[in-house]
C-alpha atoms as a PDB file:
ATOM      1  CA  MET A   1     -53.977-118.602  61.634  1.00  0.00           C
ATOM      2  CA  SER A   2     -54.519-119.419  57.958  1.00  0.00           C
ATOM      3  CA  HIS A   3     -53.667-122.991  58.474  1.00  0.00           C
ATOM      4  CA  LEU A   4     -56.305-123.399  61.023  1.00  0.00           C
ATOM      5  CA  ARG A   5     -58.954-121.657  58.744  1.00  0.00           C
ATOM      6  CA  ASN A   6     -57.909-123.888  55.903  1.00  0.00           C
ATOM      7  CA  PHE A   7     -58.175-126.874  58.068  1.00  0.00           C
ATOM      8  CA  PHE A   8     -61.813-126.078  59.100  1.00  0.00           C
ATOM      9  CA  THR A   9     -62.722-125.132  55.560  1.00  0.00           C
ATOM     10  CA  ILE A  10     -61.509-128.525  54.394  1.00  0.00           C
ATOM     11  CA  LEU A  11     -63.542-130.247  57.125  1.00  0.00           C
ATOM     12  CA  HIS A  12     -66.565-128.258  56.264  1.00  0.00           C
ATOM     13  CA  ILE A  13     -66.325-129.200  52.479  1.00  0.00           C
ATOM     14  CA  ARG A  14     -65.807-132.811  53.486  1.00  0.00           C
ATOM     15  CA  PHE A  15     -68.818-132.673  55.667  1.00  0.00           C
ATOM     16  CA  CYS A  16     -71.137-130.943  53.109  1.00  0.00           C
ATOM     17  CA  GLY A  17     -69.806-133.271  50.331  1.00  0.00           C
ATOM     18  CA  ARG A  18     -70.428-136.578  52.208  1.00  0.00           C
ATOM     19  CA  LYS A  19     -71.983-139.556  50.547  1.00  0.00           C
ATOM     20  CA  SER A  20     -75.322-139.273  52.216  1.00  0.00           C
ATOM     21  CA  LYS A  21     -75.722-135.682  50.754  1.00  0.00           C
ATOM     22  CA  LEU A  22     -74.852-137.084  47.273  1.00  0.00           C
ATOM     23  CA  GLN A  23     -77.432-139.875  47.510  1.00  0.00           C
ATOM     24  CA  ALA A  24     -80.079-137.310  48.604  1.00  0.00           C
ATOM     25  CA  ALA A  25     -79.270-135.285  45.542  1.00  0.00           C
ATOM     26  CA  ILE A  26     -79.392-138.341  43.257  1.00  0.00           C
ATOM     27  CA  LYS A  27     -82.818-139.261  44.777  1.00  0.00           C
ATOM     28  CA  GLN A  28     -84.116-135.822  44.133  1.00  0.00           C
ATOM     29  CA  ALA A  29     -82.748-135.773  40.465  1.00  0.00           C
ATOM     30  CA  ASN A  30     -84.388-139.299  39.800  1.00  0.00           C
ATOM     31  CA  SER A  31     -87.702-137.918  41.482  1.00  0.00           C
ATOM     32  CA  LEU A  32     -87.690-134.781  39.221  1.00  0.00           C
ATOM     33  CA  HIS A  33     -86.729-136.807  36.195  1.00  0.00           C
ATOM     34  CA  SER A  34     -89.793-139.151  36.694  1.00  0.00           C
ATOM     35  CA  LYS A  35     -92.107-136.123  37.215  1.00  0.00           C
ATOM     36  CA  THR A  36     -90.879-133.934  34.228  1.00  0.00           C
ATOM     37  CA  GLY A  37     -89.084-136.255  31.984  1.00  0.00           C
ATOM     38  CA  LYS A  38     -86.250-133.878  31.672  1.00  0.00           C
ATOM     39  CA  ARG A  39     -82.540-134.720  32.021  1.00  0.00           C
ATOM     40  CA  TYR A  40     -81.128-133.796  35.476  1.00  0.00           C
ATOM     41  CA  ARG A  41     -77.481-133.734  36.434  1.00  0.00           C
ATOM     42  CA  VAL A  42     -75.935-133.483  40.071  1.00  0.00           C
ATOM     43  CA  PHE A  43     -73.047-131.000  40.550  1.00  0.00           C
ATOM     44  CA  PHE A  44     -71.135-129.987  43.577  1.00  0.00           C
ATOM     45  CA  PHE A  45     -70.749-126.179  43.704  1.00  0.00           C
ATOM     46  CA  GLY A  46     -70.534-123.755  46.501  1.00  0.00           C
ATOM     47  CA  ASN A  47     -69.973-126.510  49.021  1.00  0.00           C
ATOM     48  CA  LYS A  48     -73.080-128.321  48.275  1.00  0.00           C
ATOM     49  CA  TYR A  49     -74.848-130.606  45.780  1.00  0.00           C
ATOM     50  CA  HIS A  50     -77.147-129.034  43.199  1.00  0.00           C
ATOM     51  CA  VAL A  51     -79.563-130.706  40.811  1.00  0.00           C
ATOM     52  CA  TRP A  52     -79.782-128.804  37.571  1.00  0.00           C
ATOM     53  CA  THR A  53     -81.303-129.218  34.047  1.00  0.00           C
ATOM     54  CA  ARG A  54     -79.639-127.745  30.857  1.00  0.00           C
ATOM     55  CA  ASP A  55     -81.892-124.692  31.180  1.00  0.00           C
ATOM     56  CA  ASP A  56     -80.679-124.158  34.698  1.00  0.00           C
ATOM     57  CA  ILE A  57     -77.159-124.250  33.485  1.00  0.00           C
ATOM     58  CA  LYS A  58     -78.019-121.677  30.681  1.00  0.00           C
ATOM     59  CA  GLU A  59     -79.543-119.378  33.238  1.00  0.00           C
ATOM     60  CA  ARG A  60     -76.452-119.424  35.398  1.00  0.00           C
ATOM     61  CA  LYS A  61     -74.224-118.631  32.395  1.00  0.00           C
ATOM     62  CA  LYS A  62     -76.559-115.617  31.560  1.00  0.00           C
ATOM     63  CA  SER A  63     -76.113-114.418  35.127  1.00  0.00           C
ATOM     64  CA  SER A  64     -72.255-114.740  34.837  1.00  0.00           C
ATOM     65  CA  LEU A  65     -71.894-117.454  37.421  1.00  0.00           C
ATOM     66  CA  PHE A  66     -70.290-119.677  34.703  1.00  0.00           C
ATOM     67  CA  LYS A  67     -68.158-118.497  31.772  1.00  0.00           C
ATOM     68  CA  ARG A  68     -69.927-118.092  28.478  1.00  0.00           C
ATOM     69  CA  HIS A  69     -67.532-120.254  26.505  1.00  0.00           C
ATOM     70  CA  LEU A  70     -68.715-123.328  28.417  1.00  0.00           C
ATOM     71  CA  LYS A  71     -71.264-125.520  26.832  1.00  0.00           C
ATOM     72  CA  ALA A  72     -74.117-126.846  28.787  1.00  0.00           C
ATOM     73  CA  GLY A  73     -73.801-130.338  27.434  1.00  0.00           C
ATOM     74  CA  GLU A  74     -70.254-131.538  26.942  1.00  0.00           C
ATOM     75  CA  ASP A  75     -68.432-129.413  29.341  1.00  0.00           C
ATOM     76  CA  PHE A  76     -70.735-129.990  32.230  1.00  0.00           C
ATOM     77  CA  ASP A  77     -71.114-133.763  31.536  1.00  0.00           C
ATOM     78  CA  LYS A  78     -67.361-134.110  32.414  1.00  0.00           C
ATOM     79  CA  ILE A  79     -67.956-132.651  35.972  1.00  0.00           C
ATOM     80  CA  CYS A  80     -71.329-133.896  36.938  1.00  0.00           C
ATOM     81  CA  PHE A  81     -71.578-136.531  39.657  1.00  0.00           C
ATOM     82  CA  TYR A  82     -74.809-138.101  38.329  1.00  0.00           C
ATOM     83  CA  ASP A  83     -76.746-137.825  35.142  1.00  0.00           C
ATOM     84  CA  THR A  84     -80.357-139.190  34.875  1.00  0.00           C
ATOM     85  CA  SER A  85     -79.961-140.069  31.131  1.00  0.00           C
ATOM     86  CA  ASN A  86     -76.920-142.179  31.876  1.00  0.00           C
ATOM     87  CA  PRO A  87     -77.154-143.506  35.410  1.00  0.00           C
ATOM     88  CA  ASP A  88     -74.525-146.372  34.854  1.00  0.00           C
ATOM     89  CA  ASN A  89     -71.728-143.859  34.208  1.00  0.00           C
ATOM     90  CA  ASN A  90     -71.843-141.997  37.584  1.00  0.00           C
ATOM     91  CA  VAL A  91     -69.275-141.185  40.234  1.00  0.00           C
ATOM     92  CA  SER A  92     -71.376-142.328  43.247  1.00  0.00           C
ATOM     93  CA  LYS A  93     -70.550-145.991  42.737  1.00  0.00           C
END
């Protein structure tokens, strides 16, 4: 039974993490960046893509979603799929 549940979980994550959803999140990040001028990053957490700024990451650290020792800059730069300040160095290519 657990093998079947794991199989469907993997299929669900693969479906939610497909390339079209990543491209939509990148488009949203670029749109928000052009409106506000802030740096936006695209992450995959909770089986979906999120577009967050540094302030959003800090808020999630305060609410204990992330551990407090993680830094909003260097630690999250390693795991982001796209960064509006450095679009040439992204995972989506």
